[in-house]
Amino acid sequence: MPRGDKSAYTDKQKRQAEHIEESYENRGVSEEEAERRAWATVNKESGGGKKSGSGRAHAKKE
């Protein structure tokens, strides 16, 4: 996957990034910088472009 490809992100992550980007732009940050910061924030909060439910289930410990 090339850098900058957002296809691995969920719709929720894309909406979050868009909202964060708009917030930065309203505070006077350039479009390019606002987009960079928005995706950095989404990655920090969610661990990157992971689809929900991927991977295998963990067994419960008792």
PDB file of N, CA and C in Angstrom:
ATOM      1  N   MET A   1       0.847  -1.177   0.000  1.00  0.00           N
ATOM      2  CA  MET A   1       0.000   0.000   0.000  1.00  0.00           C
ATOM      3  C   MET A   1       0.891   1.239   0.000  1.00  0.00           C
ATOM      4  N   PRO A   2       0.714   2.117  -0.966  1.00  0.00           N
ATOM      5  CA  PRO A   2       1.556   3.325  -1.025  1.00  0.00           C
ATOM      6  C   PRO A   2       1.237   4.284   0.113  1.00  0.00           C
ATOM      7  N   ARG A   3       2.192   5.114   0.444  1.00  0.00           N
ATOM      8  CA  ARG A   3       1.969   6.107   1.492  1.00  0.00           C
ATOM      9  C   ARG A   3       0.857   7.046   1.060  1.00  0.00           C
ATOM     10  N   GLY A   4       0.022   7.416   2.009  1.00  0.00           N
ATOM     11  CA  GLY A   4      -1.070   8.327   1.714  1.00  0.00           C
ATOM     12  C   GLY A   4      -2.351   7.638   1.295  1.00  0.00           C
ATOM     13  N   ASP A   5      -2.334   6.317   1.128  1.00  0.00           N
ATOM     14  CA  ASP A   5      -3.520   5.562   0.740  1.00  0.00           C
ATOM     15  C   ASP A   5      -4.398   5.365   1.973  1.00  0.00           C
ATOM     16  N   LYS A   6      -5.617   5.855   1.921  1.00  0.00           N
ATOM     17  CA  LYS A   6      -6.509   5.801   3.090  1.00  0.00           C
ATOM     18  C   LYS A   6      -7.516   4.649   3.006  1.00  0.00           C
ATOM     19  N   SER A   7      -7.322   3.715   2.082  1.00  0.00           N
ATOM     20  CA  SER A   7      -8.307   2.648   1.886  1.00  0.00           C
ATOM     21  C   SER A   7      -8.392   1.688   3.069  1.00  0.00           C
ATOM     22  N   ALA A   8      -7.353   1.612   3.885  1.00  0.00           N
ATOM     23  CA  ALA A   8      -7.367   0.676   5.009  1.00  0.00           C
ATOM     24  C   ALA A   8      -8.108   1.241   6.223  1.00  0.00           C
ATOM     25  N   TYR A   9      -8.524   2.495   6.151  1.00  0.00           N
ATOM     26  CA  TYR A   9      -9.213   3.114   7.280  1.00  0.00           C
ATOM     27  C   TYR A   9     -10.706   2.849   7.213  1.00  0.00           C
ATOM     28  N   THR A  10     -11.341   2.771   8.386  1.00  0.00           N
ATOM     29  CA  THR A  10     -12.792   2.588   8.445  1.00  0.00           C
ATOM     30  C   THR A  10     -13.473   3.914   8.126  1.00  0.00           C
ATOM     31  N   ASP A  11     -14.754   3.856   7.813  1.00  0.00           N
ATOM     32  CA  ASP A  11     -15.521   5.077   7.546  1.00  0.00           C
ATOM     33  C   ASP A  11     -15.508   5.991   8.768  1.00  0.00           C
ATOM     34  N   LYS A  12     -15.581   5.401   9.942  1.00  0.00           N
ATOM     35  CA  LYS A  12     -15.565   6.197  11.173  1.00  0.00           C
ATOM     36  C   LYS A  12     -14.246   6.953  11.306  1.00  0.00           C
ATOM     37  N   GLN A  13     -13.130   6.289  11.018  1.00  0.00           N
ATOM     38  CA  GLN A  13     -11.825   6.948  11.110  1.00  0.00           C
ATOM     39  C   GLN A  13     -11.723   8.082  10.094  1.00  0.00           C
ATOM     40  N   LYS A  14     -12.271   7.876   8.894  1.00  0.00           N
ATOM     41  CA  LYS A  14     -12.244   8.913   7.867  1.00  0.00           C
ATOM     42  C   LYS A  14     -13.070  10.118   8.295  1.00  0.00           C
ATOM     43  N   ARG A  15     -14.247   9.866   8.900  1.00  0.00           N
ATOM     44  CA  ARG A  15     -15.085  10.971   9.384  1.00  0.00           C
ATOM     45  C   ARG A  15     -14.382  11.733  10.498  1.00  0.00           C
ATOM     46  N   GLN A  16     -13.735  11.005  11.413  1.00  0.00           N
ATOM     47  CA  GLN A  16     -13.008  11.653  12.504  1.00  0.00           C
ATOM     48  C   GLN A  16     -11.907  12.553  11.956  1.00  0.00           C
ATOM     49  N   ALA A  17     -11.148  12.058  10.995  1.00  0.00           N
ATOM     50  CA  ALA A  17     -10.061  12.845  10.416  1.00  0.00           C
ATOM     51  C   ALA A  17     -10.598  14.100   9.736  1.00  0.00           C
ATOM     52  N   GLU A  18     -11.716  13.963   9.040  1.00  0.00           N
ATOM     53  CA  GLU A  18     -12.308  15.116   8.355  1.00  0.00           C
ATOM     54  C   GLU A  18     -12.741  16.179   9.372  1.00  0.00           C
ATOM     55  N   HIS A  19     -13.360  15.740  10.451  1.00  0.00           N
ATOM     56  CA  HIS A  19     -13.817  16.665  11.483  1.00  0.00           C
ATOM     57  C   HIS A  19     -12.627  17.370  12.160  1.00  0.00           C
ATOM     58  N   ILE A  20     -11.601  16.621  12.471  1.00  0.00           N
ATOM     59  CA  ILE A  20     -10.398  17.188  13.097  1.00  0.00           C
ATOM     60  C   ILE A  20      -9.737  18.178  12.145  1.00  0.00           C
ATOM     61  N   GLU A  21      -9.666  17.824  10.863  1.00  0.00           N
ATOM     62  CA  GLU A  21      -9.055  18.699   9.862  1.00  0.00           C
ATOM     63  C   GLU A  21      -9.807  20.031   9.779  1.00  0.00           C
ATOM     64  N   GLU A  22     -11.138  19.967   9.756  1.00  0.00           N
ATOM     65  CA  GLU A  22     -11.936  21.195   9.700  1.00  0.00           C
ATOM     66  C   GLU A  22     -11.684  22.068  10.922  1.00  0.00           C
ATOM     67  N   SER A  23     -11.548  21.431  12.065  1.00  0.00           N
ATOM     68  CA  SER A  23     -11.296  22.164  13.300  1.00  0.00           C
ATOM     69  C   SER A  23      -9.968  22.919  13.226  1.00  0.00           C
ATOM     70  N   TYR A  24      -8.941  22.261  12.731  1.00  0.00           N
ATOM     71  CA  TYR A  24      -7.632  22.921  12.585  1.00  0.00           C
ATOM     72  C   TYR A  24      -7.710  24.076  11.586  1.00  0.00           C
ATOM     73  N   GLU A  25      -8.416  23.865  10.468  1.00  0.00           N
ATOM     74  CA  GLU A  25      -8.527  24.920   9.456  1.00  0.00           C
ATOM     75  C   GLU A  25      -9.253  26.141  10.014  1.00  0.00           C
ATOM     76  N   ASN A  26     -10.257  25.907  10.868  1.00  0.00           N
ATOM     77  CA  ASN A  26     -10.987  27.016  11.487  1.00  0.00           C
ATOM     78  C   ASN A  26     -10.084  27.825  12.424  1.00  0.00           C
ATOM     79  N   ARG A  27      -9.024  27.202  12.901  1.00  0.00           N
ATOM     80  CA  ARG A  27      -8.075  27.885  13.787  1.00  0.00           C
ATOM     81  C   ARG A  27      -6.917  28.520  13.018  1.00  0.00           C
ATOM     82  N   GLY A  28      -6.979  28.473  11.677  1.00  0.00           N
ATOM     83  CA  GLY A  28      -5.992  29.162  10.872  1.00  0.00           C
ATOM     84  C   GLY A  28      -4.822  28.329  10.406  1.00  0.00           C
ATOM     85  N   VAL A  29      -4.890  27.001  10.560  1.00  0.00           N
ATOM     86  CA  VAL A  29      -3.822  26.118  10.095  1.00  0.00           C
ATOM     87  C   VAL A  29      -4.050  25.858   8.603  1.00  0.00           C
ATOM     88  N   SER A  30      -2.977  25.771   7.833  1.00  0.00           N
ATOM     89  CA  SER A  30      -3.112  25.532   6.387  1.00  0.00           C
ATOM     90  C   SER A  30      -3.776  24.177   6.132  1.00  0.00           C
ATOM     91  N   GLU A  31      -4.374  24.042   4.944  1.00  0.00           N
ATOM     92  CA  GLU A  31      -5.079  22.796   4.601  1.00  0.00           C
ATOM     93  C   GLU A  31      -4.165  21.581   4.691  1.00  0.00           C
ATOM     94  N   GLU A  32      -2.975  21.709   4.124  1.00  0.00           N
ATOM     95  CA  GLU A  32      -2.030  20.584   4.101  1.00  0.00           C
ATOM     96  C   GLU A  32      -1.620  20.175   5.519  1.00  0.00           C
ATOM     97  N   GLU A  33      -1.294  21.153   6.341  1.00  0.00           N
ATOM     98  CA  GLU A  33      -0.885  20.868   7.722  1.00  0.00           C
ATOM     99  C   GLU A  33      -2.055  20.329   8.538  1.00  0.00           C
ATOM    100  N   ALA A  34      -3.255  20.864   8.300  1.00  0.00           N
ATOM    101  CA  ALA A  34      -4.437  20.396   9.021  1.00  0.00           C
ATOM    102  C   ALA A  34      -4.708  18.925   8.710  1.00  0.00           C
ATOM    103  N   GLU A  35      -4.565  18.548   7.430  1.00  0.00           N
ATOM    104  CA  GLU A  35      -4.776  17.150   7.045  1.00  0.00           C
ATOM    105  C   GLU A  35      -3.736  16.246   7.695  1.00  0.00           C
ATOM    106  N   ARG A  36      -2.482  16.677   7.699  1.00  0.00           N
ATOM    107  CA  ARG A  36      -1.410  15.882   8.297  1.00  0.00           C
ATOM    108  C   ARG A  36      -1.673  15.667   9.784  1.00  0.00           C
ATOM    109  N   ARG A  37      -2.034  16.743  10.475  1.00  0.00           N
ATOM    110  CA  ARG A  37      -2.299  16.641  11.916  1.00  0.00           C
ATOM    111  C   ARG A  37      -3.515  15.770  12.200  1.00  0.00           C
ATOM    112  N   ALA A  38      -4.543  15.897  11.363  1.00  0.00           N
ATOM    113  CA  ALA A  38      -5.766  15.119  11.570  1.00  0.00           C
ATOM    114  C   ALA A  38      -5.489  13.624  11.490  1.00  0.00           C
ATOM    115  N   TRP A  39      -4.762  13.189  10.452  1.00  0.00           N
ATOM    116  CA  TRP A  39      -4.462  11.764  10.305  1.00  0.00           C
ATOM    117  C   TRP A  39      -3.507  11.288  11.383  1.00  0.00           C
ATOM    118  N   ALA A  40      -2.593  12.149  11.823  1.00  0.00           N
ATOM    119  CA  ALA A  40      -1.692  11.780  12.917  1.00  0.00           C
ATOM    120  C   ALA A  40      -2.498  11.539  14.192  1.00  0.00           C
ATOM    121  N   THR A  41      -3.518  12.360  14.407  1.00  0.00           N
ATOM    122  CA  THR A  41      -4.371  12.207  15.587  1.00  0.00           C
ATOM    123  C   THR A  41      -5.179  10.915  15.513  1.00  0.00           C
ATOM    124  N   VAL A  42      -5.750  10.624  14.354  1.00  0.00           N
ATOM    125  CA  VAL A  42      -6.525   9.384  14.179  1.00  0.00           C
ATOM    126  C   VAL A  42      -5.620   8.177  14.409  1.00  0.00           C
ATOM    127  N   ASN A  43      -4.406   8.228  13.862  1.00  0.00           N
ATOM    128  CA  ASN A  43      -3.470   7.113  14.041  1.00  0.00           C
ATOM    129  C   ASN A  43      -3.101   6.932  15.503  1.00  0.00           C
ATOM    130  N   LYS A  44      -2.906   8.033  16.213  1.00  0.00           N
ATOM    131  CA  LYS A  44      -2.531   7.953  17.622  1.00  0.00           C
ATOM    132  C   LYS A  44      -3.659   7.333  18.444  1.00  0.00           C
ATOM    133  N   GLU A  45      -4.890   7.737  18.150  1.00  0.00           N
ATOM    134  CA  GLU A  45      -6.034   7.254  18.925  1.00  0.00           C
ATOM    135  C   GLU A  45      -6.416   5.822  18.598  1.00  0.00           C
ATOM    136  N   SER A  46      -6.295   5.430  17.337  1.00  0.00           N
ATOM    137  CA  SER A  46      -6.814   4.118  16.929  1.00  0.00           C
ATOM    138  C   SER A  46      -5.729   3.115  16.551  1.00  0.00           C
ATOM    139  N   GLY A  47      -4.495   3.542  16.511  1.00  0.00           N
ATOM    140  CA  GLY A  47      -3.417   2.629  16.144  1.00  0.00           C
ATOM    141  C   GLY A  47      -3.248   2.463  14.651  1.00  0.00           C
ATOM    142  N   GLY A  48      -3.838   3.327  13.852  1.00  0.00           N
ATOM    143  CA  GLY A  48      -3.649   3.271  12.400  1.00  0.00           C
ATOM    144  C   GLY A  48      -4.858   2.737  11.676  1.00  0.00           C
ATOM    145  N   GLY A  49      -4.668   2.386  10.422  1.00  0.00           N
ATOM    146  CA  GLY A  49      -5.765   1.988   9.553  1.00  0.00           C
ATOM    147  C   GLY A  49      -6.131   0.541   9.692  1.00  0.00           C
ATOM    148  N   LYS A  50      -6.707   0.192  10.788  1.00  0.00           N
ATOM    149  CA  LYS A  50      -7.120  -1.198  11.016  1.00  0.00           C
ATOM    150  C   LYS A  50      -8.632  -1.282  10.911  1.00  0.00           C
ATOM    151  N   LYS A  51      -9.084  -2.282  10.226  1.00  0.00           N
ATOM    152  CA  LYS A  51     -10.515  -2.521  10.140  1.00  0.00           C
ATOM    153  C   LYS A  51     -10.982  -3.125  11.458  1.00  0.00           C
ATOM    154  N   SER A  52     -12.147  -2.701  11.937  1.00  0.00           N
ATOM    155  CA  SER A  52     -12.675  -3.274  13.164  1.00  0.00           C
ATOM    156  C   SER A  52     -13.053  -4.727  12.922  1.00  0.00           C
ATOM    157  N   GLY A  53     -12.823  -5.571  13.901  1.00  0.00           N
ATOM    158  CA  GLY A  53     -13.182  -6.971  13.795  1.00  0.00           C
ATOM    159  C   GLY A  53     -12.167  -7.825  13.069  1.00  0.00           C
ATOM    160  N   SER A  54     -11.028  -7.241  12.677  1.00  0.00           N
ATOM    161  CA  SER A  54     -10.041  -8.053  11.977  1.00  0.00           C
ATOM    162  C   SER A  54      -9.198  -8.822  12.997  1.00  0.00           C
ATOM    163  N   GLY A  55      -8.606  -9.884  12.558  1.00  0.00           N
ATOM    164  CA  GLY A  55      -7.795 -10.679  13.474  1.00  0.00           C
ATOM    165  C   GLY A  55      -8.610 -11.789  14.099  1.00  0.00           C
ATOM    166  N   ARG A  56      -7.993 -12.476  15.025  1.00  0.00           N
ATOM    167  CA  ARG A  56      -8.721 -13.582  15.640  1.00  0.00           C
ATOM    168  C   ARG A  56      -9.157 -13.216  17.053  1.00  0.00           C
ATOM    169  N   ALA A  57     -10.160 -13.902  17.523  1.00  0.00           N
ATOM    170  CA  ALA A  57     -10.704 -13.636  18.854  1.00  0.00           C
ATOM    171  C   ALA A  57      -9.747 -14.141  19.921  1.00  0.00           C
ATOM    172  N   HIS A  58      -9.745 -13.463  21.032  1.00  0.00           N
ATOM    173  CA  HIS A  58      -8.911 -13.878  22.169  1.00  0.00           C
ATOM    174  C   HIS A  58      -9.739 -14.727  23.125  1.00  0.00           C
ATOM    175  N   ALA A  59      -9.156 -15.786  23.630  1.00  0.00           N
ATOM    176  CA  ALA A  59      -9.845 -16.644  24.588  1.00  0.00           C
ATOM    177  C   ALA A  59      -9.929 -15.935  25.942  1.00  0.00           C
ATOM    178  N   LYS A  60     -11.068 -16.104  26.610  1.00  0.00           N
ATOM    179  CA  LYS A  60     -11.235 -15.475  27.918  1.00  0.00           C
ATOM    180  C   LYS A  60     -10.420 -16.220  28.965  1.00  0.00           C
ATOM    181  N   LYS A  61      -9.781 -15.442  29.828  1.00  0.00           N
ATOM    182  CA  LYS A  61      -9.058 -16.049  30.944  1.00  0.00           C
ATOM    183  C   LYS A  61      -9.983 -16.092  32.151  1.00  0.00           C
ATOM    184  N   GLU A  62      -9.949 -17.211  32.863  1.00  0.00           N
ATOM    185  CA  GLU A  62     -10.794 -17.320  34.062  1.00  0.00           C
ATOM    186  C   GLU A  62      -9.970 -17.507  35.295  1.00  0.00           C
TER     187      GLU A  62
END
